[in-house]
Amino acid sequence: MTTTDPCHLTTTPADHTHSAPSPALTRGEVVRTLLWIVVVISAVSNMAASYGNADTWVHLACGAVTVLGAGTLVVRNLRGRR
């Protein structure tokens, strides 16, 4: 006798023996994600330095990291379109 309980309608991983393999992350996707993380962290750090009245060198360092990360993302995007 089959049950119609909605809790038992899900399938188990063993039921999907012939399913397509999940796509692996490429090196480019990992690099892009890490660059975005660096850009966001450096931008937030620069904002925190502004509110905390930090020294000028802290602003310059955070700004330089943000610009380099964002610039790298732009260059990678433009090269990927060719």
PDB file of N, CA and C in Angstrom:
ATOM      1  N   MET A   1       0.842  -1.170   0.000  1.00  0.00           N
ATOM      2  CA  MET A   1       0.000   0.000   0.000  1.00  0.00           C
ATOM      3  C   MET A   1       0.892   1.239   0.000  1.00  0.00           C
ATOM      4  N   THR A   2       0.643   2.169  -0.886  1.00  0.00           N
ATOM      5  CA  THR A   2       1.432   3.390  -0.960  1.00  0.00           C
ATOM      6  C   THR A   2       0.855   4.444  -0.046  1.00  0.00           C
ATOM      7  N   THR A   3       1.745   5.240   0.501  1.00  0.00           N
ATOM      8  CA  THR A   3       1.301   6.307   1.390  1.00  0.00           C
ATOM      9  C   THR A   3       1.244   7.615   0.631  1.00  0.00           C
ATOM     10  N   THR A   4       0.353   8.469   1.019  1.00  0.00           N
ATOM     11  CA  THR A   4       0.231   9.785   0.402  1.00  0.00           C
ATOM     12  C   THR A   4       0.625  10.884   1.371  1.00  0.00           C
ATOM     13  N   ASP A   5       1.351  10.510   2.395  1.00  0.00           N
ATOM     14  CA  ASP A   5       1.812  11.483   3.373  1.00  0.00           C
ATOM     15  C   ASP A   5       2.815  12.428   2.703  1.00  0.00           C
ATOM     16  N   PRO A   6       2.586  13.753   2.707  1.00  0.00           N
ATOM     17  CA  PRO A   6       3.491  14.678   2.018  1.00  0.00           C
ATOM     18  C   PRO A   6       4.914  14.645   2.573  1.00  0.00           C
ATOM     19  N   CYS A   7       5.083  14.221   3.784  1.00  0.00           N
ATOM     20  CA  CYS A   7       6.430  14.151   4.358  1.00  0.00           C
ATOM     21  C   CYS A   7       7.253  13.052   3.704  1.00  0.00           C
ATOM     22  N   HIS A   8       6.613  12.083   3.109  1.00  0.00           N
ATOM     23  CA  HIS A   8       7.327  10.964   2.507  1.00  0.00           C
ATOM     24  C   HIS A   8       7.395  11.054   0.983  1.00  0.00           C
ATOM     25  N   LEU A   9       7.041  12.174   0.416  1.00  0.00           N
ATOM     26  CA  LEU A   9       7.080  12.330  -1.030  1.00  0.00           C
ATOM     27  C   LEU A   9       8.443  12.774  -1.541  1.00  0.00           C
ATOM     28  N   THR A  10       9.340  13.087  -0.660  1.00  0.00           N
ATOM     29  CA  THR A  10      10.662  13.511  -1.099  1.00  0.00           C
ATOM     30  C   THR A  10      11.481  12.299  -1.506  1.00  0.00           C
ATOM     31  N   THR A  11      12.449  12.532  -2.368  1.00  0.00           N
ATOM     32  CA  THR A  11      13.293  11.439  -2.828  1.00  0.00           C
ATOM     33  C   THR A  11      14.621  11.484  -2.098  1.00  0.00           C
ATOM     34  N   THR A  12      15.247  10.373  -2.023  1.00  0.00           N
ATOM     35  CA  THR A  12      16.552  10.300  -1.380  1.00  0.00           C
ATOM     36  C   THR A  12      17.641  10.383  -2.434  1.00  0.00           C
ATOM     37  N   PRO A  13      18.865  10.733  -2.050  1.00  0.00           N
ATOM     38  CA  PRO A  13      19.952  10.803  -3.031  1.00  0.00           C
ATOM     39  C   PRO A  13      20.180   9.486  -3.755  1.00  0.00           C
ATOM     40  N   ALA A  14      19.860   8.352  -3.144  1.00  0.00           N
ATOM     41  CA  ALA A  14      20.042   7.061  -3.793  1.00  0.00           C
ATOM     42  C   ALA A  14      19.088   6.898  -4.978  1.00  0.00           C
ATOM     43  N   ASP A  15      17.970   7.642  -4.964  1.00  0.00           N
ATOM     44  CA  ASP A  15      17.006   7.562  -6.059  1.00  0.00           C
ATOM     45  C   ASP A  15      17.507   8.242  -7.327  1.00  0.00           C
ATOM     46  N   HIS A  16      18.549   9.049  -7.223  1.00  0.00           N
ATOM     47  CA  HIS A  16      19.049   9.834  -8.353  1.00  0.00           C
ATOM     48  C   HIS A  16      20.374   9.288  -8.857  1.00  0.00           C
ATOM     49  N   THR A  17      20.454   8.006  -9.073  1.00  0.00           N
ATOM     50  CA  THR A  17      21.722   7.425  -9.502  1.00  0.00           C
ATOM     51  C   THR A  17      22.065   7.796 -10.932  1.00  0.00           C
ATOM     52  N   HIS A  18      21.096   8.176 -11.752  1.00  0.00           N
ATOM     53  CA  HIS A  18      21.352   8.498 -13.148  1.00  0.00           C
ATOM     54  C   HIS A  18      21.255   9.992 -13.431  1.00  0.00           C
ATOM     55  N   SER A  19      21.312  10.819 -12.408  1.00  0.00           N
ATOM     56  CA  SER A  19      21.202  12.259 -12.620  1.00  0.00           C
ATOM     57  C   SER A  19      22.549  12.810 -13.082  1.00  0.00           C
ATOM     58  N   ALA A  20      22.510  13.973 -13.691  1.00  0.00           N
ATOM     59  CA  ALA A  20      23.722  14.617 -14.186  1.00  0.00           C
ATOM     60  C   ALA A  20      24.580  15.078 -13.010  1.00  0.00           C
ATOM     61  N   PRO A  21      25.891  15.019 -13.165  1.00  0.00           N
ATOM     62  CA  PRO A  21      26.757  15.475 -12.075  1.00  0.00           C
ATOM     63  C   PRO A  21      26.645  16.990 -11.891  1.00  0.00           C
ATOM     64  N   SER A  22      26.820  17.429 -10.674  1.00  0.00           N
ATOM     65  CA  SER A  22      26.742  18.869 -10.419  1.00  0.00           C
ATOM     66  C   SER A  22      27.967  19.550 -11.015  1.00  0.00           C
ATOM     67  N   PRO A  23      27.778  20.730 -11.602  1.00  0.00           N
ATOM     68  CA  PRO A  23      28.904  21.413 -12.234  1.00  0.00           C
ATOM     69  C   PRO A  23      29.916  21.876 -11.187  1.00  0.00           C
ATOM     70  N   ALA A  24      31.172  21.719 -11.506  1.00  0.00           N
ATOM     71  CA  ALA A  24      32.235  22.135 -10.598  1.00  0.00           C
ATOM     72  C   ALA A  24      32.519  23.614 -10.795  1.00  0.00           C
ATOM     73  N   LEU A  25      32.977  24.248  -9.752  1.00  0.00           N
ATOM     74  CA  LEU A  25      33.358  25.655  -9.853  1.00  0.00           C
ATOM     75  C   LEU A  25      34.631  25.778 -10.675  1.00  0.00           C
ATOM     76  N   THR A  26      34.652  26.770 -11.530  1.00  0.00           N
ATOM     77  CA  THR A  26      35.862  27.013 -12.302  1.00  0.00           C
ATOM     78  C   THR A  26      36.780  27.943 -11.535  1.00  0.00           C
ATOM     79  N   ARG A  27      38.016  27.971 -11.946  1.00  0.00           N
ATOM     80  CA  ARG A  27      39.005  28.832 -11.297  1.00  0.00           C
ATOM     81  C   ARG A  27      38.597  30.304 -11.435  1.00  0.00           C
ATOM     82  N   GLY A  28      38.048  30.665 -12.588  1.00  0.00           N
ATOM     83  CA  GLY A  28      37.624  32.040 -12.817  1.00  0.00           C
ATOM     84  C   GLY A  28      36.510  32.482 -11.892  1.00  0.00           C
ATOM     85  N   GLU A  29      35.572  31.576 -11.615  1.00  0.00           N
ATOM     86  CA  GLU A  29      34.476  31.908 -10.698  1.00  0.00           C
ATOM     87  C   GLU A  29      34.988  32.108  -9.283  1.00  0.00           C
ATOM     88  N   VAL A  30      35.941  31.288  -8.876  1.00  0.00           N
ATOM     89  CA  VAL A  30      36.518  31.427  -7.539  1.00  0.00           C
ATOM     90  C   VAL A  30      37.267  32.742  -7.417  1.00  0.00           C
ATOM     91  N   VAL A  31      38.055  33.089  -8.436  1.00  0.00           N
ATOM     92  CA  VAL A  31      38.811  34.347  -8.419  1.00  0.00           C
ATOM     93  C   VAL A  31      37.865  35.537  -8.384  1.00  0.00           C
ATOM     94  N   ARG A  32      36.805  35.486  -9.191  1.00  0.00           N
ATOM     95  CA  ARG A  32      35.840  36.589  -9.213  1.00  0.00           C
ATOM     96  C   ARG A  32      35.169  36.754  -7.859  1.00  0.00           C
ATOM     97  N   THR A  33      34.790  35.661  -7.240  1.00  0.00           N
ATOM     98  CA  THR A  33      34.161  35.728  -5.921  1.00  0.00           C
ATOM     99  C   THR A  33      35.114  36.310  -4.886  1.00  0.00           C
ATOM    100  N   LEU A  34      36.367  35.865  -4.903  1.00  0.00           N
ATOM    101  CA  LEU A  34      37.354  36.396  -3.958  1.00  0.00           C
ATOM    102  C   LEU A  34      37.613  37.886  -4.193  1.00  0.00           C
ATOM    103  N   LEU A  35      37.651  38.297  -5.454  1.00  0.00           N
ATOM    104  CA  LEU A  35      37.835  39.725  -5.743  1.00  0.00           C
ATOM    105  C   LEU A  35      36.669  40.551  -5.212  1.00  0.00           C
ATOM    106  N   TRP A  36      35.450  40.062  -5.382  1.00  0.00           N
ATOM    107  CA  TRP A  36      34.293  40.780  -4.857  1.00  0.00           C
ATOM    108  C   TRP A  36      34.356  40.880  -3.335  1.00  0.00           C
ATOM    109  N   ILE A  37      34.783  39.813  -2.690  1.00  0.00           N
ATOM    110  CA  ILE A  37      34.902  39.840  -1.232  1.00  0.00           C
ATOM    111  C   ILE A  37      35.935  40.873  -0.805  1.00  0.00           C
ATOM    112  N   VAL A  38      37.069  40.924  -1.503  1.00  0.00           N
ATOM    113  CA  VAL A  38      38.110  41.904  -1.185  1.00  0.00           C
ATOM    114  C   VAL A  38      37.603  43.328  -1.389  1.00  0.00           C
ATOM    115  N   VAL A  39      36.879  43.559  -2.481  1.00  0.00           N
ATOM    116  CA  VAL A  39      36.360  44.907  -2.764  1.00  0.00           C
ATOM    117  C   VAL A  39      35.371  45.335  -1.686  1.00  0.00           C
ATOM    118  N   VAL A  40      34.469  44.458  -1.316  1.00  0.00           N
ATOM    119  CA  VAL A  40      33.472  44.812  -0.302  1.00  0.00           C
ATOM    120  C   VAL A  40      34.127  45.052   1.055  1.00  0.00           C
ATOM    121  N   ILE A  41      35.042  44.182   1.451  1.00  0.00           N
ATOM    122  CA  ILE A  41      35.700  44.345   2.751  1.00  0.00           C
ATOM    123  C   ILE A  41      36.522  45.630   2.789  1.00  0.00           C
ATOM    124  N   SER A  42      37.239  45.930   1.713  1.00  0.00           N
ATOM    125  CA  SER A  42      38.053  47.148   1.716  1.00  0.00           C
ATOM    126  C   SER A  42      37.184  48.406   1.690  1.00  0.00           C
ATOM    127  N   ALA A  43      36.051  48.360   0.990  1.00  0.00           N
ATOM    128  CA  ALA A  43      35.152  49.518   0.970  1.00  0.00           C
ATOM    129  C   ALA A  43      34.525  49.734   2.346  1.00  0.00           C
ATOM    130  N   VAL A  44      34.117  48.656   2.993  1.00  0.00           N
ATOM    131  CA  VAL A  44      33.539  48.772   4.338  1.00  0.00           C
ATOM    132  C   VAL A  44      34.609  49.245   5.323  1.00  0.00           C
ATOM    133  N   SER A  45      35.821  48.754   5.173  1.00  0.00           N
ATOM    134  CA  SER A  45      36.914  49.195   6.040  1.00  0.00           C
ATOM    135  C   SER A  45      37.188  50.680   5.858  1.00  0.00           C
ATOM    136  N   ASN A  46      37.122  51.152   4.628  1.00  0.00           N
ATOM    137  CA  ASN A  46      37.330  52.577   4.364  1.00  0.00           C
ATOM    138  C   ASN A  46      36.220  53.403   5.001  1.00  0.00           C
ATOM    139  N   MET A  47      34.984  52.908   4.933  1.00  0.00           N
ATOM    140  CA  MET A  47      33.874  53.608   5.585  1.00  0.00           C
ATOM    141  C   MET A  47      34.061  53.647   7.092  1.00  0.00           C
ATOM    142  N   ALA A  48      34.468  52.522   7.658  1.00  0.00           N
ATOM    143  CA  ALA A  48      34.694  52.465   9.102  1.00  0.00           C
ATOM    144  C   ALA A  48      35.831  53.402   9.503  1.00  0.00           C
ATOM    145  N   ALA A  49      36.852  53.491   8.678  1.00  0.00           N
ATOM    146  CA  ALA A  49      37.958  54.400   8.960  1.00  0.00           C
ATOM    147  C   ALA A  49      37.491  55.853   8.915  1.00  0.00           C
ATOM    148  N   SER A  50      36.557  56.150   8.039  1.00  0.00           N
ATOM    149  CA  SER A  50      36.024  57.511   7.958  1.00  0.00           C
ATOM    150  C   SER A  50      35.250  57.871   9.225  1.00  0.00           C
ATOM    151  N   TYR A  51      34.428  56.935   9.691  1.00  0.00           N
ATOM    152  CA  TYR A  51      33.660  57.203  10.899  1.00  0.00           C
ATOM    153  C   TYR A  51      34.535  57.208  12.140  1.00  0.00           C
ATOM    154  N   GLY A  52      35.632  56.495  12.105  1.00  0.00           N
ATOM    155  CA  GLY A  52      36.511  56.408  13.260  1.00  0.00           C
ATOM    156  C   GLY A  52      37.618  57.442  13.276  1.00  0.00           C
ATOM    157  N   ASN A  53      37.610  58.350  12.310  1.00  0.00           N
ATOM    158  CA  ASN A  53      38.650  59.388  12.197  1.00  0.00           C
ATOM    159  C   ASN A  53      40.046  58.782  12.202  1.00  0.00           C
ATOM    160  N   ALA A  54      40.255  57.782  11.368  1.00  0.00           N
ATOM    161  CA  ALA A  54      41.552  57.112  11.273  1.00  0.00           C
ATOM    162  C   ALA A  54      42.541  57.983  10.514  1.00  0.00           C
ATOM    163  N   ASP A  55      43.793  57.590  10.567  1.00  0.00           N
ATOM    164  CA  ASP A  55      44.842  58.322   9.859  1.00  0.00           C
ATOM    165  C   ASP A  55      44.630  58.237   8.350  1.00  0.00           C
ATOM    166  N   THR A  56      45.266  59.160   7.650  1.00  0.00           N
ATOM    167  CA  THR A  56      45.123  59.238   6.202  1.00  0.00           C
ATOM    168  C   THR A  56      45.648  57.982   5.515  1.00  0.00           C
ATOM    169  N   TRP A  57      46.710  57.389   6.032  1.00  0.00           N
ATOM    170  CA  TRP A  57      47.285  56.217   5.376  1.00  0.00           C
ATOM    171  C   TRP A  57      46.313  55.044   5.375  1.00  0.00           C
ATOM    172  N   VAL A  58      45.430  54.969   6.369  1.00  0.00           N
ATOM    173  CA  VAL A  58      44.436  53.890   6.409  1.00  0.00           C
ATOM    174  C   VAL A  58      43.438  54.069   5.269  1.00  0.00           C
ATOM    175  N   HIS A  59      43.004  55.318   5.057  1.00  0.00           N
ATOM    176  CA  HIS A  59      42.085  55.610   3.949  1.00  0.00           C
ATOM    177  C   HIS A  59      42.739  55.305   2.611  1.00  0.00           C
ATOM    178  N   LEU A  60      43.991  55.706   2.474  1.00  0.00           N
ATOM    179  CA  LEU A  60      44.695  55.478   1.212  1.00  0.00           C
ATOM    180  C   LEU A  60      44.878  53.982   0.942  1.00  0.00           C
ATOM    181  N   ALA A  61      45.227  53.223   1.961  1.00  0.00           N
ATOM    182  CA  ALA A  61      45.431  51.786   1.778  1.00  0.00           C
ATOM    183  C   ALA A  61      44.116  51.101   1.405  1.00  0.00           C
ATOM    184  N   CYS A  62      43.046  51.416   2.118  1.00  0.00           N
ATOM    185  CA  CYS A  62      41.741  50.818   1.813  1.00  0.00           C
ATOM    186  C   CYS A  62      41.267  51.231   0.424  1.00  0.00           C
ATOM    187  N   GLY A  63      41.450  52.495   0.092  1.00  0.00           N
ATOM    188  CA  GLY A  63      41.040  52.980  -1.223  1.00  0.00           C
ATOM    189  C   GLY A  63      41.833  52.331  -2.342  1.00  0.00           C
ATOM    190  N   ALA A  64      43.139  52.164  -2.126  1.00  0.00           N
ATOM    191  CA  ALA A  64      43.974  51.530  -3.149  1.00  0.00           C
ATOM    192  C   ALA A  64      43.551  50.078  -3.379  1.00  0.00           C
ATOM    193  N   VAL A  65      43.275  49.361  -2.307  1.00  0.00           N
ATOM    194  CA  VAL A  65      42.829  47.963  -2.444  1.00  0.00           C
ATOM    195  C   VAL A  65      41.479  47.910  -3.161  1.00  0.00           C
ATOM    196  N   THR A  66      40.578  48.821  -2.825  1.00  0.00           N
ATOM    197  CA  THR A  66      39.265  48.850  -3.470  1.00  0.00           C
ATOM    198  C   THR A  66      39.401  49.126  -4.963  1.00  0.00           C
ATOM    199  N   VAL A  67      40.210  50.119  -5.320  1.00  0.00           N
ATOM    200  CA  VAL A  67      40.382  50.484  -6.731  1.00  0.00           C
ATOM    201  C   VAL A  67      41.054  49.356  -7.505  1.00  0.00           C
ATOM    202  N   LEU A  68      42.072  48.733  -6.920  1.00  0.00           N
ATOM    203  CA  LEU A  68      42.744  47.634  -7.614  1.00  0.00           C
ATOM    204  C   LEU A  68      41.812  46.437  -7.802  1.00  0.00           C
ATOM    205  N   GLY A  69      41.048  46.116  -6.782  1.00  0.00           N
ATOM    206  CA  GLY A  69      40.113  45.000  -6.901  1.00  0.00           C
ATOM    207  C   GLY A  69      39.018  45.269  -7.912  1.00  0.00           C
ATOM    208  N   ALA A  70      38.431  46.469  -7.856  1.00  0.00           N
ATOM    209  CA  ALA A  70      37.369  46.819  -8.800  1.00  0.00           C
ATOM    210  C   ALA A  70      37.921  46.897 -10.224  1.00  0.00           C
ATOM    211  N   GLY A  71      39.104  47.446 -10.367  1.00  0.00           N
ATOM    212  CA  GLY A  71      39.725  47.519 -11.689  1.00  0.00           C
ATOM    213  C   GLY A  71      39.997  46.145 -12.268  1.00  0.00           C
ATOM    214  N   THR A  72      40.444  45.242 -11.440  1.00  0.00           N
ATOM    215  CA  THR A  72      40.697  43.873 -11.888  1.00  0.00           C
ATOM    216  C   THR A  72      39.401  43.200 -12.319  1.00  0.00           C
ATOM    217  N   LEU A  73      38.318  43.428 -11.574  1.00  0.00           N
ATOM    218  CA  LEU A  73      37.020  42.871 -11.964  1.00  0.00           C
ATOM    219  C   LEU A  73      36.567  43.413 -13.320  1.00  0.00           C
ATOM    220  N   VAL A  74      36.755  44.701 -13.541  1.00  0.00           N
ATOM    221  CA  VAL A  74      36.360  45.312 -14.815  1.00  0.00           C
ATOM    222  C   VAL A  74      37.178  44.734 -15.960  1.00  0.00           C
ATOM    223  N   VAL A  75      38.501  44.639 -15.785  1.00  0.00           N
ATOM    224  CA  VAL A  75      39.366  44.115 -16.842  1.00  0.00           C
ATOM    225  C   VAL A  75      39.007  42.669 -17.161  1.00  0.00           C
ATOM    226  N   ARG A  76      38.773  41.868 -16.136  1.00  0.00           N
ATOM    227  CA  ARG A  76      38.406  40.459 -16.361  1.00  0.00           C
ATOM    228  C   ARG A  76      37.072  40.360 -17.099  1.00  0.00           C
ATOM    229  N   ASN A  77      36.132  41.250 -16.756  1.00  0.00           N
ATOM    230  CA  ASN A  77      34.840  41.236 -17.443  1.00  0.00           C
ATOM    231  C   ASN A  77      34.985  41.632 -18.902  1.00  0.00           C
ATOM    232  N   LEU A  78      35.775  42.657 -19.176  1.00  0.00           N
ATOM    233  CA  LEU A  78      35.949  43.099 -20.564  1.00  0.00           C
ATOM    234  C   LEU A  78      36.694  42.055 -21.390  1.00  0.00           C
ATOM    235  N   ARG A  79      37.683  41.406 -20.800  1.00  0.00           N
ATOM    236  CA  ARG A  79      38.404  40.350 -21.534  1.00  0.00           C
ATOM    237  C   ARG A  79      37.516  39.146 -21.783  1.00  0.00           C
ATOM    238  N   GLY A  80      36.590  38.883 -20.900  1.00  0.00           N
ATOM    239  CA  GLY A  80      35.695  37.739 -21.067  1.00  0.00           C
ATOM    240  C   GLY A  80      34.684  37.936 -22.160  1.00  0.00           C
ATOM    241  N   ARG A  81      34.416  39.162 -22.552  1.00  0.00           N
ATOM    242  CA  ARG A  81      33.424  39.445 -23.602  1.00  0.00           C
ATOM    243  C   ARG A  81      33.987  39.247 -24.996  1.00  0.00           C
ATOM    244  N   ARG A  82      35.284  39.226 -25.150  1.00  0.00           N
ATOM    245  CA  ARG A  82      35.870  39.098 -26.491  1.00  0.00           C
ATOM    246  C   ARG A  82      35.664  37.742 -27.059  1.00  0.00           C
TER     247      ARG A  82
END
